[in-house]
All heavy atoms as atom14 arrays in JSON, in Angstrom:
{
  "sequence": "APFSADPDLAAFGVRAARAVKSNAIAIARRAPRGGLQLLGM",
  "atom14_mask": [
    [1, 1, 1, 1, 1, 0, 0, 0, 0, 0, 0, 0, 0, 0],
    [1, 1, 1, 1, 1, 1, 1, 0, 0, 0, 0, 0, 0, 0],
    [1, 1, 1, 1, 1, 1, 1, 1, 1, 1, 1, 0, 0, 0],
    [1, 1, 1, 1, 1, 1, 0, 0, 0, 0, 0, 0, 0, 0],
    [1, 1, 1, 1, 1, 0, 0, 0, 0, 0, 0, 0, 0, 0],
    [1, 1, 1, 1, 1, 1, 1, 1, 0, 0, 0, 0, 0, 0],
    [1, 1, 1, 1, 1, 1, 1, 0, 0, 0, 0, 0, 0, 0],
    [1, 1, 1, 1, 1, 1, 1, 1, 0, 0, 0, 0, 0, 0],
    [1, 1, 1, 1, 1, 1, 1, 1, 0, 0, 0, 0, 0, 0],
    [1, 1, 1, 1, 1, 0, 0, 0, 0, 0, 0, 0, 0, 0],
    [1, 1, 1, 1, 1, 0, 0, 0, 0, 0, 0, 0, 0, 0],
    [1, 1, 1, 1, 1, 1, 1, 1, 1, 1, 1, 0, 0, 0],
    [1, 1, 1, 1, 0, 0, 0, 0, 0, 0, 0, 0, 0, 0],
    [1, 1, 1, 1, 1, 1, 1, 0, 0, 0, 0, 0, 0, 0],
    [1, 1, 1, 1, 1, 1, 1, 1, 1, 1, 1, 0, 0, 0],
    [1, 1, 1, 1, 1, 0, 0, 0, 0, 0, 0, 0, 0, 0],
    [1, 1, 1, 1, 1, 0, 0, 0, 0, 0, 0, 0, 0, 0],
    [1, 1, 1, 1, 1, 1, 1, 1, 1, 1, 1, 0, 0, 0],
    [1, 1, 1, 1, 1, 0, 0, 0, 0, 0, 0, 0, 0, 0],
    [1, 1, 1, 1, 1, 1, 1, 0, 0, 0, 0, 0, 0, 0],
    [1, 1, 1, 1, 1, 1, 1, 1, 1, 0, 0, 0, 0, 0],
    [1, 1, 1, 1, 1, 1, 0, 0, 0, 0, 0, 0, 0, 0],
    [1, 1, 1, 1, 1, 1, 1, 1, 0, 0, 0, 0, 0, 0],
    [1, 1, 1, 1, 1, 0, 0, 0, 0, 0, 0, 0, 0, 0],
    [1, 1, 1, 1, 1, 1, 1, 1, 0, 0, 0, 0, 0, 0],
    [1, 1, 1, 1, 1, 0, 0, 0, 0, 0, 0, 0, 0, 0],
    [1, 1, 1, 1, 1, 1, 1, 1, 0, 0, 0, 0, 0, 0],
    [1, 1, 1, 1, 1, 0, 0, 0, 0, 0, 0, 0, 0, 0],
    [1, 1, 1, 1, 1, 1, 1, 1, 1, 1, 1, 0, 0, 0],
    [1, 1, 1, 1, 1, 1, 1, 1, 1, 1, 1, 0, 0, 0],
    [1, 1, 1, 1, 1, 0, 0, 0, 0, 0, 0, 0, 0, 0],
    [1, 1, 1, 1, 1, 1, 1, 0, 0, 0, 0, 0, 0, 0],
    [1, 1, 1, 1, 1, 1, 1, 1, 1, 1, 1, 0, 0, 0],
    [1, 1, 1, 1, 0, 0, 0, 0, 0, 0, 0, 0, 0, 0],
    [1, 1, 1, 1, 0, 0, 0, 0, 0, 0, 0, 0, 0, 0],
    [1, 1, 1, 1, 1, 1, 1, 1, 0, 0, 0, 0, 0, 0],
    [1, 1, 1, 1, 1, 1, 1, 1, 1, 0, 0, 0, 0, 0],
    [1, 1, 1, 1, 1, 1, 1, 1, 0, 0, 0, 0, 0, 0],
    [1, 1, 1, 1, 1, 1, 1, 1, 0, 0, 0, 0, 0, 0],
    [1, 1, 1, 1, 0, 0, 0, 0, 0, 0, 0, 0, 0, 0],
    [1, 1, 1, 1, 1, 1, 1, 1, 0, 0, 0, 0, 0, 0]
  ],
  "atom14_positions": [
    [[0.88, -1.23, 0.01], [-0.06, 0.08, -0.05], [0.95, 1.34, 0.02], [1.87, 1.33, 0.66], [-0.93, 0.01, 1.28], [0.0, 0.0, 0.0], [0.0, 0.0, 0.0], [0.0, 0.0, 0.0], [0.0, 0.0, 0.0], [0.0, 0.0, 0.0], [0.0, 0.0, 0.0], [0.0, 0.0, 0.0], [0.0, 0.0, 0.0], [0.0, 0.0, 0.0]],
    [[0.53, 2.17, -0.83], [1.39, 3.43, -0.83], [1.35, 4.17, 0.44], [0.26, 4.25, 1.16], [0.64, 4.36, -1.94], [-0.46, 3.52, -2.65], [-0.65, 2.2, -1.79], [0.0, 0.0, 0.0], [0.0, 0.0, 0.0], [0.0, 0.0, 0.0], [0.0, 0.0, 0.0], [0.0, 0.0, 0.0], [0.0, 0.0, 0.0], [0.0, 0.0, 0.0]],
    [[2.52, 4.67, 0.89], [2.57, 5.41, 2.12], [3.66, 6.35, 2.07], [4.78, 6.01, 1.6], [2.71, 4.35, 3.21], [2.85, 5.08, 4.58], [1.67, 5.47, 5.33], [4.07, 5.11, 5.33], [1.75, 6.27, 6.53], [4.14, 5.88, 6.54], [3.08, 6.35, 7.02], [0.0, 0.0, 0.0], [0.0, 0.0, 0.0], [0.0, 0.0, 0.0]],
    [[3.43, 7.5, 2.61], [4.54, 8.62, 2.58], [4.74, 8.92, 4.1], [3.89, 9.57, 4.73], [4.27, 9.76, 1.84], [5.15, 10.76, 1.9], [0.0, 0.0, 0.0], [0.0, 0.0, 0.0], [0.0, 0.0, 0.0], [0.0, 0.0, 0.0], [0.0, 0.0, 0.0], [0.0, 0.0, 0.0], [0.0, 0.0, 0.0], [0.0, 0.0, 0.0]],
    [[5.87, 8.46, 4.6], [6.04, 8.71, 6.09], [6.3, 10.23, 6.43], [6.93, 10.94, 5.66], [7.35, 7.85, 6.56], [0.0, 0.0, 0.0], [0.0, 0.0, 0.0], [0.0, 0.0, 0.0], [0.0, 0.0, 0.0], [0.0, 0.0, 0.0], [0.0, 0.0, 0.0], [0.0, 0.0, 0.0], [0.0, 0.0, 0.0], [0.0, 0.0, 0.0]],
    [[5.86, 10.63, 7.51], [6.07, 12.07, 8.02], [7.5, 11.98, 8.52], [7.87, 11.49, 9.54], [5.08, 12.29, 9.18], [5.35, 13.59, 9.93], [6.42, 14.13, 9.93], [4.31, 13.98, 10.64], [0.0, 0.0, 0.0], [0.0, 0.0, 0.0], [0.0, 0.0, 0.0], [0.0, 0.0, 0.0], [0.0, 0.0, 0.0], [0.0, 0.0, 0.0]],
    [[8.51, 12.69, 7.78], [9.85, 12.59, 8.32], [10.16, 13.17, 9.71], [11.09, 12.71, 10.23], [10.6, 13.26, 7.19], [9.59, 14.1, 6.5], [8.26, 13.61, 6.7], [0.0, 0.0, 0.0], [0.0, 0.0, 0.0], [0.0, 0.0, 0.0], [0.0, 0.0, 0.0], [0.0, 0.0, 0.0], [0.0, 0.0, 0.0], [0.0, 0.0, 0.0]],
    [[9.42, 14.23, 10.11], [9.64, 14.76, 11.51], [9.21, 13.72, 12.5], [9.86, 13.56, 13.46], [8.86, 16.1, 11.59], [9.44, 17.1, 10.79], [10.64, 17.14, 10.4], [8.79, 18.15, 10.43], [0.0, 0.0, 0.0], [0.0, 0.0, 0.0], [0.0, 0.0, 0.0], [0.0, 0.0, 0.0], [0.0, 0.0, 0.0], [0.0, 0.0, 0.0]],
    [[8.08, 13.06, 12.35], [7.51, 12.12, 13.36], [8.46, 10.94, 13.31], [8.78, 10.41, 14.37], [6.1, 11.76, 12.93], [5.52, 10.75, 13.88], [5.52, 11.03, 15.31], [4.01, 10.44, 13.38], [0.0, 0.0, 0.0], [0.0, 0.0, 0.0], [0.0, 0.0, 0.0], [0.0, 0.0, 0.0], [0.0, 0.0, 0.0], [0.0, 0.0, 0.0]],
    [[8.93, 10.43, 12.09], [9.77, 9.31, 11.99], [11.1, 9.65, 12.73], [11.54, 8.85, 13.51], [10.05, 9.05, 10.51], [0.0, 0.0, 0.0], [0.0, 0.0, 0.0], [0.0, 0.0, 0.0], [0.0, 0.0, 0.0], [0.0, 0.0, 0.0], [0.0, 0.0, 0.0], [0.0, 0.0, 0.0], [0.0, 0.0, 0.0], [0.0, 0.0, 0.0]],
    [[11.67, 10.86, 12.49], [12.89, 11.12, 13.15], [12.71, 11.26, 14.57], [13.62, 10.7, 15.47], [13.38, 12.56, 12.68], [0.0, 0.0, 0.0], [0.0, 0.0, 0.0], [0.0, 0.0, 0.0], [0.0, 0.0, 0.0], [0.0, 0.0, 0.0], [0.0, 0.0, 0.0], [0.0, 0.0, 0.0], [0.0, 0.0, 0.0], [0.0, 0.0, 0.0]],
    [[11.62, 11.69, 15.16], [11.28, 11.79, 16.57], [11.2, 10.39, 17.16], [11.85, 9.91, 18.17], [10.11, 12.5, 16.96], [9.61, 12.58, 18.35], [10.37, 13.45, 19.34], [8.64, 11.86, 18.82], [9.91, 13.52, 20.56], [8.23, 11.88, 20.17], [8.87, 12.81, 21.02], [0.0, 0.0, 0.0], [0.0, 0.0, 0.0], [0.0, 0.0, 0.0]],
    [[10.42, 9.47, 16.5], [10.34, 8.12, 17.0], [11.57, 7.36, 16.98], [11.85, 6.58, 17.87], [0.0, 0.0, 0.0], [0.0, 0.0, 0.0], [0.0, 0.0, 0.0], [0.0, 0.0, 0.0], [0.0, 0.0, 0.0], [0.0, 0.0, 0.0], [0.0, 0.0, 0.0], [0.0, 0.0, 0.0], [0.0, 0.0, 0.0], [0.0, 0.0, 0.0]],
    [[12.48, 7.54, 15.99], [13.76, 6.83, 15.86], [14.64, 7.37, 16.99], [15.35, 6.64, 17.66], [14.43, 7.0, 14.47], [15.9, 6.6, 14.46], [13.65, 6.36, 13.41], [0.0, 0.0, 0.0], [0.0, 0.0, 0.0], [0.0, 0.0, 0.0], [0.0, 0.0, 0.0], [0.0, 0.0, 0.0], [0.0, 0.0, 0.0], [0.0, 0.0, 0.0]],
    [[14.72, 8.69, 17.25], [15.46, 9.25, 18.25], [15.11, 8.53, 19.7], [15.92, 8.22, 20.56], [15.35, 10.78, 18.39], [16.13, 11.52, 17.48], [16.18, 13.03, 17.81], [16.9, 13.75, 16.79], [16.41, 14.27, 15.68], [15.03, 14.2, 15.52], [17.15, 14.83, 14.87], [0.0, 0.0, 0.0], [0.0, 0.0, 0.0], [0.0, 0.0, 0.0]],
    [[13.71, 8.41, 19.84], [13.37, 7.77, 21.1], [13.65, 6.38, 21.29], [14.23, 5.96, 22.29], [11.75, 7.88, 21.15], [0.0, 0.0, 0.0], [0.0, 0.0, 0.0], [0.0, 0.0, 0.0], [0.0, 0.0, 0.0], [0.0, 0.0, 0.0], [0.0, 0.0, 0.0], [0.0, 0.0, 0.0], [0.0, 0.0, 0.0], [0.0, 0.0, 0.0]],
    [[13.48, 5.63, 20.18], [13.91, 4.26, 20.21], [15.45, 4.09, 20.4], [15.85, 3.13, 21.06], [13.47, 3.51, 18.87], [0.0, 0.0, 0.0], [0.0, 0.0, 0.0], [0.0, 0.0, 0.0], [0.0, 0.0, 0.0], [0.0, 0.0, 0.0], [0.0, 0.0, 0.0], [0.0, 0.0, 0.0], [0.0, 0.0, 0.0], [0.0, 0.0, 0.0]],
    [[16.1, 4.93, 19.78], [17.56, 4.8, 19.8], [18.02, 5.12, 21.29], [18.99, 4.56, 21.78], [18.23, 5.91, 18.84], [19.68, 5.92, 18.93], [20.24, 6.88, 17.92], [20.09, 8.3, 18.21], [20.49, 9.3, 17.53], [21.12, 9.2, 16.45], [20.17, 10.52, 17.88], [0.0, 0.0, 0.0], [0.0, 0.0, 0.0], [0.0, 0.0, 0.0]],
    [[17.35, 6.03, 21.98], [17.64, 6.34, 23.32], [17.23, 5.31, 24.34], [17.96, 5.17, 25.34], [17.15, 7.71, 23.8], [0.0, 0.0, 0.0], [0.0, 0.0, 0.0], [0.0, 0.0, 0.0], [0.0, 0.0, 0.0], [0.0, 0.0, 0.0], [0.0, 0.0, 0.0], [0.0, 0.0, 0.0], [0.0, 0.0, 0.0], [0.0, 0.0, 0.0]],
    [[16.26, 4.69, 24.07], [15.67, 3.61, 24.92], [16.53, 2.4, 25.11], [16.82, 1.86, 26.13], [14.22, 3.26, 24.5], [13.65, 2.1, 25.24], [13.36, 4.45, 24.65], [0.0, 0.0, 0.0], [0.0, 0.0, 0.0], [0.0, 0.0, 0.0], [0.0, 0.0, 0.0], [0.0, 0.0, 0.0], [0.0, 0.0, 0.0], [0.0, 0.0, 0.0]],
    [[17.04, 1.81, 23.9], [17.89, 0.74, 23.91], [17.35, -0.64, 24.26], [16.26, -0.71, 24.85], [19.14, 0.95, 24.79], [19.89, 2.11, 24.48], [20.64, 1.9, 23.3], [21.68, 3.18, 23.02], [22.08, 3.33, 21.75], [0.0, 0.0, 0.0], [0.0, 0.0, 0.0], [0.0, 0.0, 0.0], [0.0, 0.0, 0.0], [0.0, 0.0, 0.0]],
    [[18.01, -1.62, 23.8], [17.75, -3.07, 24.18], [16.34, -3.63, 23.85], [15.56, -3.58, 24.69], [18.06, -3.27, 25.65], [18.08, -4.73, 25.91], [0.0, 0.0, 0.0], [0.0, 0.0, 0.0], [0.0, 0.0, 0.0], [0.0, 0.0, 0.0], [0.0, 0.0, 0.0], [0.0, 0.0, 0.0], [0.0, 0.0, 0.0], [0.0, 0.0, 0.0]],
    [[16.16, -3.95, 22.77], [14.94, -4.54, 22.11], [13.83, -3.46, 22.27], [12.69, -3.65, 22.65], [14.34, -5.79, 22.95], [15.09, -6.98, 22.34], [15.48, -7.16, 21.29], [15.42, -7.84, 23.36], [0.0, 0.0, 0.0], [0.0, 0.0, 0.0], [0.0, 0.0, 0.0], [0.0, 0.0, 0.0], [0.0, 0.0, 0.0], [0.0, 0.0, 0.0]],
    [[14.19, -2.27, 21.93], [13.35, -1.1, 22.07], [12.19, -1.03, 21.09], [12.38, -1.26, 19.9], [14.18, 0.23, 22.01], [0.0, 0.0, 0.0], [0.0, 0.0, 0.0], [0.0, 0.0, 0.0], [0.0, 0.0, 0.0], [0.0, 0.0, 0.0], [0.0, 0.0, 0.0], [0.0, 0.0, 0.0], [0.0, 0.0, 0.0], [0.0, 0.0, 0.0]],
    [[11.1, -0.7, 21.59], [10.03, -0.13, 20.72], [9.46, 0.99, 21.31], [9.14, 1.11, 22.57], [8.73, -1.33, 20.71], [9.19, -2.66, 20.23], [7.59, -0.77, 19.97], [9.43, -2.77, 18.73], [0.0, 0.0, 0.0], [0.0, 0.0, 0.0], [0.0, 0.0, 0.0], [0.0, 0.0, 0.0], [0.0, 0.0, 0.0], [0.0, 0.0, 0.0]],
    [[9.31, 2.07, 20.55], [8.89, 3.36, 20.83], [7.64, 3.67, 20.03], [7.54, 3.31, 18.83], [9.87, 4.43, 20.71], [0.0, 0.0, 0.0], [0.0, 0.0, 0.0], [0.0, 0.0, 0.0], [0.0, 0.0, 0.0], [0.0, 0.0, 0.0], [0.0, 0.0, 0.0], [0.0, 0.0, 0.0], [0.0, 0.0, 0.0], [0.0, 0.0, 0.0]],
    [[6.6, 4.23, 20.65], [5.42, 4.59, 19.87], [5.15, 6.14, 20.1], [5.16, 6.62, 21.15], [4.22, 3.83, 20.4], [4.4, 2.29, 20.25], [2.85, 4.27, 19.84], [3.28, 1.48, 20.83], [0.0, 0.0, 0.0], [0.0, 0.0, 0.0], [0.0, 0.0, 0.0], [0.0, 0.0, 0.0], [0.0, 0.0, 0.0], [0.0, 0.0, 0.0]],
    [[5.26, 6.76, 19.02], [5.11, 8.23, 18.93], [4.01, 8.72, 18.02], [3.69, 8.04, 17.16], [6.42, 8.89, 18.53], [0.0, 0.0, 0.0], [0.0, 0.0, 0.0], [0.0, 0.0, 0.0], [0.0, 0.0, 0.0], [0.0, 0.0, 0.0], [0.0, 0.0, 0.0], [0.0, 0.0, 0.0], [0.0, 0.0, 0.0], [0.0, 0.0, 0.0]],
    [[3.48, 9.93, 18.31], [2.56, 10.62, 17.38], [2.78, 12.05, 17.28], [3.49, 12.6, 18.0], [1.14, 10.3, 17.9], [0.79, 11.09, 19.28], [-0.66, 11.16, 19.59], [-0.99, 11.96, 20.74], [-2.14, 12.37, 20.93], [-3.14, 12.01, 20.25], [-2.31, 13.06, 22.09], [0.0, 0.0, 0.0], [0.0, 0.0, 0.0], [0.0, 0.0, 0.0]],
    [[2.0, 12.54, 16.3], [1.98, 14.08, 16.19], [0.83, 14.35, 17.06], [-0.31, 13.95, 16.78], [1.86, 14.34, 14.74], [1.87, 15.87, 14.51], [2.08, 16.26, 13.06], [3.24, 16.05, 12.41], [4.41, 16.75, 12.64], [4.43, 17.77, 13.44], [5.48, 16.3, 12.0], [0.0, 0.0, 0.0], [0.0, 0.0, 0.0], [0.0, 0.0, 0.0]],
    [[0.99, 15.03, 18.1], [0.02, 15.49, 18.89], [-1.02, 16.5, 18.39], [-0.65, 17.15, 17.3], [0.53, 16.16, 20.2], [0.0, 0.0, 0.0], [0.0, 0.0, 0.0], [0.0, 0.0, 0.0], [0.0, 0.0, 0.0], [0.0, 0.0, 0.0], [0.0, 0.0, 0.0], [0.0, 0.0, 0.0], [0.0, 0.0, 0.0], [0.0, 0.0, 0.0]],
    [[-2.19, 16.55, 18.88], [-3.27, 17.53, 18.29], [-2.82, 18.95, 18.04], [-3.32, 19.45, 17.12], [-4.4, 17.36, 19.29], [-4.27, 16.13, 20.01], [-2.67, 15.95, 20.12], [0.0, 0.0, 0.0], [0.0, 0.0, 0.0], [0.0, 0.0, 0.0], [0.0, 0.0, 0.0], [0.0, 0.0, 0.0], [0.0, 0.0, 0.0], [0.0, 0.0, 0.0]],
    [[-1.94, 19.5, 18.86], [-1.57, 20.86, 18.58], [-0.28, 21.01, 17.79], [0.37, 22.05, 17.77], [-1.39, 21.65, 19.96], [-2.76, 21.66, 20.55], [-2.63, 22.52, 21.78], [-4.0, 22.56, 22.37], [-4.21, 22.68, 23.66], [-3.29, 22.93, 24.51], [-5.45, 22.75, 24.04], [0.0, 0.0, 0.0], [0.0, 0.0, 0.0], [0.0, 0.0, 0.0]],
    [[0.14, 19.84, 17.12], [1.29, 19.87, 16.27], [2.6, 19.4, 16.83], [3.49, 19.14, 16.14], [0.0, 0.0, 0.0], [0.0, 0.0, 0.0], [0.0, 0.0, 0.0], [0.0, 0.0, 0.0], [0.0, 0.0, 0.0], [0.0, 0.0, 0.0], [0.0, 0.0, 0.0], [0.0, 0.0, 0.0], [0.0, 0.0, 0.0], [0.0, 0.0, 0.0]],
    [[2.74, 19.31, 18.21], [3.97, 18.8, 18.67], [4.12, 17.35, 18.48], [3.25, 16.68, 18.05], [0.0, 0.0, 0.0], [0.0, 0.0, 0.0], [0.0, 0.0, 0.0], [0.0, 0.0, 0.0], [0.0, 0.0, 0.0], [0.0, 0.0, 0.0], [0.0, 0.0, 0.0], [0.0, 0.0, 0.0], [0.0, 0.0, 0.0], [0.0, 0.0, 0.0]],
    [[5.25, 16.83, 18.83], [5.47, 15.41, 18.93], [5.46, 14.86, 20.18], [5.98, 15.42, 21.21], [6.8, 15.21, 18.17], [6.91, 15.72, 16.73], [8.51, 15.71, 16.16], [5.94, 15.02, 15.74], [0.0, 0.0, 0.0], [0.0, 0.0, 0.0], [0.0, 0.0, 0.0], [0.0, 0.0, 0.0], [0.0, 0.0, 0.0], [0.0, 0.0, 0.0]],
    [[5.01, 13.57, 20.43], [4.66, 12.97, 21.67], [5.17, 11.55, 21.61], [4.71, 10.77, 20.79], [3.24, 13.21, 22.08], [2.95, 12.66, 23.41], [1.36, 12.77, 23.73], [0.58, 12.93, 22.89], [1.06, 12.61, 24.97], [0.0, 0.0, 0.0], [0.0, 0.0, 0.0], [0.0, 0.0, 0.0], [0.0, 0.0, 0.0], [0.0, 0.0, 0.0]],
    [[5.85, 11.19, 22.68], [6.2, 9.78, 22.93], [5.04, 9.09, 23.63], [4.75, 9.66, 24.81], [7.47, 9.57, 23.65], [7.84, 8.06, 24.09], [8.13, 7.39, 22.82], [9.19, 8.34, 24.92], [0.0, 0.0, 0.0], [0.0, 0.0, 0.0], [0.0, 0.0, 0.0], [0.0, 0.0, 0.0], [0.0, 0.0, 0.0], [0.0, 0.0, 0.0]],
    [[4.27, 8.25, 23.22], [3.07, 7.7, 23.94], [3.42, 6.57, 24.78], [2.9, 6.35, 25.71], [2.12, 7.23, 22.87], [1.5, 8.31, 21.89], [0.66, 7.66, 20.87], [0.65, 9.25, 22.79], [0.0, 0.0, 0.0], [0.0, 0.0, 0.0], [0.0, 0.0, 0.0], [0.0, 0.0, 0.0], [0.0, 0.0, 0.0], [0.0, 0.0, 0.0]],
    [[4.54, 5.72, 24.26], [4.86, 4.63, 25.19], [6.16, 3.97, 24.54], [6.46, 4.23, 23.49], [0.0, 0.0, 0.0], [0.0, 0.0, 0.0], [0.0, 0.0, 0.0], [0.0, 0.0, 0.0], [0.0, 0.0, 0.0], [0.0, 0.0, 0.0], [0.0, 0.0, 0.0], [0.0, 0.0, 0.0], [0.0, 0.0, 0.0], [0.0, 0.0, 0.0]],
    [[6.78, 3.34, 25.46], [7.96, 2.53, 25.11], [8.11, 1.17, 25.83], [7.6, 1.11, 26.95], [9.15, 3.41, 25.31], [9.38, 3.69, 26.71], [10.84, 4.94, 26.93], [10.96, 4.94, 28.71], [0.0, 0.0, 0.0], [0.0, 0.0, 0.0], [0.0, 0.0, 0.0], [0.0, 0.0, 0.0], [0.0, 0.0, 0.0], [0.0, 0.0, 0.0]]
  ]
}
């Protein structure tokens, strides 16, 4: 399926996963007011 990733959200999510370490899964979103939010890890 076609998909174009949001590069800012992707970068934020990758930064979070990179910082968490060791079998890391980070879940991030673009918050309603436009900011970026780590929802869970």
